[in-house]
Structures are given as structure tokens and as C-alpha cells.
Amino acid sequence: MKKSRFAEEKIIEILRQHGSGGKAGEVCRQHGISEATLYNWKAKYGTMTVPEMRRLRQLEEENRQLKKLLAEAMLDNAALKDIASGNF
């Protein structure tokens, strides 16, 4: 996944600026982002604080690693079943 060029603190700052009455077009132009990006961030992060956002990223990374481990274990299991049944 592509890494954002904005730090968590900056994303929260941009969302707060928009939430405090800043017009979407002006906020986006000021920070060099598209309105779609702003609304995607708003949908994903909503009213999160910086520590909550960091925790979310940690959990997403941990989830990615666990999914990878599960997929590898399932492949190993399937290979062992094929060998045991003689279908190799």
C-alpha cells in the first residue's frame, strides 16, 4: 500500500480545519490535496485524535502480518495434505 505523504498529525490538522468551518475547496487548495482525498480521510478517520490514529495504523499493520502468516500456514497445510494423499 502506498504510504501517505502526510503524517497523522497533518491529516488530523487538515480535518479539524475543514470541520471548523473551512470550505472543502479552500482547504484542499491550501494543502495540495483533492476533495476526494479530504472526504476519504474524513470517512476513515472522522473525529480521531493523533494517538487513536497511530493505534489504528499499528493494528492495520499487525492484521496484515497475521493474514500473511495464516495464508502461509494454509499453503503448508494444503501441501502436506497433497503429499499424504499421494496427489503430488
Protein backbone atom coordinates (compact mmCIF):
# COMPACT_ATOMS: atom_id res chain seq x y z
CA MET A 1 0.00 0.00 0.00
CA LYS A 2 1.25 3.47 -0.85
CA LYS A 3 2.48 5.48 2.10
CA SER A 4 0.76 8.81 2.60
CA ARG A 5 2.89 11.89 2.17
CA PHE A 6 1.07 13.42 5.13
CA ALA A 7 1.81 12.49 8.73
CA GLU A 8 -1.01 11.60 11.08
CA GLU A 9 -0.76 14.96 12.79
CA LYS A 10 -1.12 16.81 9.50
CA ILE A 11 -4.17 14.78 8.42
CA ILE A 12 -5.85 15.48 11.77
CA GLU A 13 -4.99 19.18 11.42
CA ILE A 14 -6.48 19.31 7.91
CA LEU A 15 -9.66 17.56 9.05
CA ARG A 16 -10.00 19.93 12.01
CA GLN A 17 -9.53 22.91 9.72
CA HIS A 18 -12.30 21.62 7.46
CA GLY A 19 -14.52 20.76 10.42
CA SER A 20 -14.17 24.20 11.97
CA GLY A 21 -15.92 25.87 9.06
CA GLY A 22 -13.27 25.87 6.35
CA LYS A 23 -14.69 25.26 2.90
CA ALA A 24 -13.55 22.00 1.35
CA GLY A 25 -12.24 23.61 -1.83
CA GLU A 26 -10.17 26.18 0.04
CA VAL A 27 -8.74 23.66 2.49
CA CYS A 28 -7.81 21.30 -0.34
CA ARG A 29 -6.18 24.01 -2.41
CA GLN A 30 -4.24 25.22 0.61
CA HIS A 31 -2.79 21.79 1.33
CA GLY A 32 -2.49 20.49 -2.23
CA ILE A 33 -4.94 17.60 -1.96
CA SER A 34 -8.08 16.70 -3.86
CA GLU A 35 -11.54 16.96 -2.36
CA ALA A 36 -11.91 13.21 -2.79
CA THR A 37 -8.86 12.69 -0.57
CA LEU A 38 -10.30 15.02 2.04
CA TYR A 39 -13.62 13.17 2.12
CA ASN A 40 -11.89 9.76 2.15
CA TRP A 41 -9.84 10.87 5.18
CA LYS A 42 -12.99 12.20 6.79
CA ALA A 43 -14.79 8.88 6.25
CA LYS A 44 -11.85 6.85 7.52
CA TYR A 45 -10.58 8.96 10.41
CA GLY A 46 -13.61 11.09 11.33
CA THR A 47 -13.00 12.66 14.71
CA MET A 48 -9.98 10.60 15.72
CA THR A 49 -7.14 12.04 17.74
CA VAL A 50 -3.50 11.53 16.83
CA PRO A 51 -2.92 8.67 19.35
CA GLU A 52 -6.04 6.87 18.12
CA MET A 53 -4.87 7.24 14.53
CA ARG A 54 -1.44 5.83 15.36
CA ARG A 55 -3.04 2.88 17.13
CA LEU A 56 -5.25 2.25 14.10
CA ARG A 57 -2.20 2.11 11.83
CA GLN A 58 -0.44 -0.28 14.24
CA LEU A 59 -3.47 -2.55 14.29
CA GLU A 60 -3.75 -2.49 10.49
CA GLU A 61 -0.07 -3.48 10.18
CA GLU A 62 -0.48 -6.26 12.74
CA ASN A 63 -3.57 -7.51 10.90
CA ARG A 64 -1.67 -7.55 7.60
CA GLN A 65 1.12 -9.62 9.15
CA LEU A 66 -1.33 -12.08 10.72
CA LYS A 67 -3.16 -12.55 7.41
CA LYS A 68 0.16 -13.29 5.72
CA LEU A 69 1.06 -15.88 8.38
CA LEU A 70 -2.36 -17.52 8.04
CA ALA A 71 -2.05 -17.72 4.26
CA GLU A 72 1.39 -19.33 4.54
CA ALA A 73 0.12 -21.85 7.10
CA MET A 74 -2.84 -22.73 4.86
CA LEU A 75 -0.48 -23.31 1.89
CA ASP A 76 1.74 -25.54 4.02
CA ASN A 77 -1.30 -27.46 5.22
CA ALA A 78 -2.58 -27.97 1.67
CA ALA A 79 0.85 -29.15 0.51
CA LEU A 80 1.07 -31.65 3.37
CA LYS A 81 -2.40 -33.00 2.57
CA ASP A 82 -1.41 -33.46 -1.08
CA ILE A 83 1.75 -35.32 -0.09
CA ALA A 84 -0.09 -37.51 2.43
CA SER A 85 -2.77 -38.49 -0.09
CA GLY A 86 -0.25 -39.14 -2.83
CA ASN A 87 -1.59 -36.45 -5.20
CA PHE A 88 1.69 -34.70 -5.79
